[in-house]
C-alpha cells in the first residue's frame, strides 16, 4: 500500500522539517511506502528553498511549484491530482 501526503505550503517554517522527517520515520517503522507532495503556493524564497532541501534530503518527497498564490484549496487540489498513492492524506 502506498500513501500520499499532500502538504500545501505558504510561508512555511522549520516545523515542516519535523513533519516530513516524522512521516518518513513512521513509514520506515511501518514498512509502508509513502510519498510526500510539497505544493509550494508562494513565491517566498525561504519556502521554495526549504521545499527543495527536503526534496533533496528525502527520496519520498516531491515538490510542485505553483506559478503564483492560488490559495490552500487550489494547492491541495493540485497535489491530489499529482498523487500516486492508493490513499491520499
Protein backbone atom coordinates (compact mmCIF):
# COMPACT_ATOMS: atom_id res chain seq x y z
CA UNK A 1 0.00 0.00 0.00
CA UNK A 2 1.24 3.49 -0.82
CA UNK A 3 0.04 6.61 0.99
CA UNK A 4 0.40 10.11 -0.45
CA UNK A 5 0.61 13.08 1.90
CA UNK A 6 -0.28 16.39 0.25
CA UNK A 7 1.09 19.44 2.05
CA UNK A 8 0.24 22.89 0.63
CA UNK A 9 2.95 25.38 1.65
CA UNK A 10 2.72 29.11 2.14
CA UNK A 11 5.35 30.82 4.28
CA UNK A 12 6.27 27.53 5.95
CA UNK A 13 8.82 27.31 8.74
CA UNK A 14 11.22 24.70 10.05
CA UNK A 15 8.27 22.88 11.65
CA UNK A 16 7.89 21.45 8.15
CA UNK A 17 11.22 19.62 8.51
CA UNK A 18 9.95 17.90 11.67
CA UNK A 19 6.70 16.92 9.97
CA UNK A 20 8.39 15.48 6.88
CA UNK A 21 11.09 13.62 8.82
CA UNK A 22 8.41 12.24 11.17
CA UNK A 23 6.31 10.94 8.25
CA UNK A 24 9.38 9.32 6.70
CA UNK A 25 10.34 7.71 10.04
CA UNK A 26 6.81 6.42 10.56
CA UNK A 27 6.78 4.86 7.10
CA UNK A 28 10.12 3.16 7.85
CA UNK A 29 8.78 1.71 11.10
CA UNK A 30 5.56 0.51 9.50
CA UNK A 31 7.37 -0.70 6.36
CA UNK A 32 4.89 1.21 4.20
CA UNK A 33 5.67 3.25 1.11
CA UNK A 34 4.81 6.93 1.23
CA UNK A 35 5.17 9.93 -0.97
CA UNK A 36 5.10 13.45 0.39
CA UNK A 37 3.99 16.13 -2.04
CA UNK A 38 5.03 19.63 -1.05
CA UNK A 39 2.89 22.06 -3.03
CA UNK A 40 4.61 25.45 -2.91
CA UNK A 41 1.85 28.08 -3.19
CA UNK A 42 4.13 31.04 -2.68
CA UNK A 43 6.96 32.95 -4.32
CA UNK A 44 8.70 33.21 -0.93
CA UNK A 45 12.36 32.21 -1.43
CA UNK A 46 12.53 30.68 2.06
CA UNK A 47 9.61 28.35 1.40
CA UNK A 48 10.91 27.42 -2.05
CA UNK A 49 14.37 26.76 -0.64
CA UNK A 50 13.11 24.65 2.26
CA UNK A 51 10.95 22.54 -0.07
CA UNK A 52 13.96 21.96 -2.32
CA UNK A 53 16.15 20.96 0.64
CA UNK A 54 13.56 18.45 1.82
CA UNK A 55 13.22 17.03 -1.70
CA UNK A 56 17.00 16.62 -1.90
CA UNK A 57 17.23 15.02 1.54
CA UNK A 58 14.30 12.59 1.42
CA UNK A 59 13.59 10.38 -1.58
CA UNK A 60 9.91 10.24 -0.56
CA UNK A 61 9.45 13.99 -1.18
CA UNK A 62 8.29 15.55 -4.44
CA UNK A 63 7.71 19.25 -4.93
CA UNK A 64 5.15 21.07 -7.02
CA UNK A 65 5.75 24.79 -7.62
CA UNK A 66 2.64 26.80 -8.49
CA UNK A 67 3.14 29.87 -10.67
CA UNK A 68 1.52 32.19 -8.10
CA UNK A 69 -0.53 32.07 -4.91
CA UNK A 70 -3.77 30.29 -5.76
CA UNK A 71 -4.82 29.53 -2.18
CA UNK A 72 -4.89 26.47 0.04
CA UNK A 73 -7.76 24.67 -1.69
CA UNK A 74 -6.24 25.02 -5.16
CA UNK A 75 -2.81 23.96 -3.87
CA UNK A 76 -4.33 20.91 -2.19
CA UNK A 77 -6.21 20.00 -5.38
CA UNK A 78 -3.00 20.33 -7.42
CA UNK A 79 -1.27 17.94 -5.04
CA UNK A 80 -4.13 15.44 -5.18
CA UNK A 81 -4.00 15.44 -8.98
CA UNK A 82 -0.28 14.57 -8.85
CA UNK A 83 -0.53 11.96 -6.08
CA UNK A 84 0.28 8.34 -6.91
CA UNK A 85 -0.85 6.72 -3.65
CA UNK A 86 -3.76 4.42 -3.06
CA UNK A 87 -4.72 6.71 -0.17
CA UNK A 88 -4.30 10.48 -0.03
CA UNK A 89 -3.97 12.40 3.21
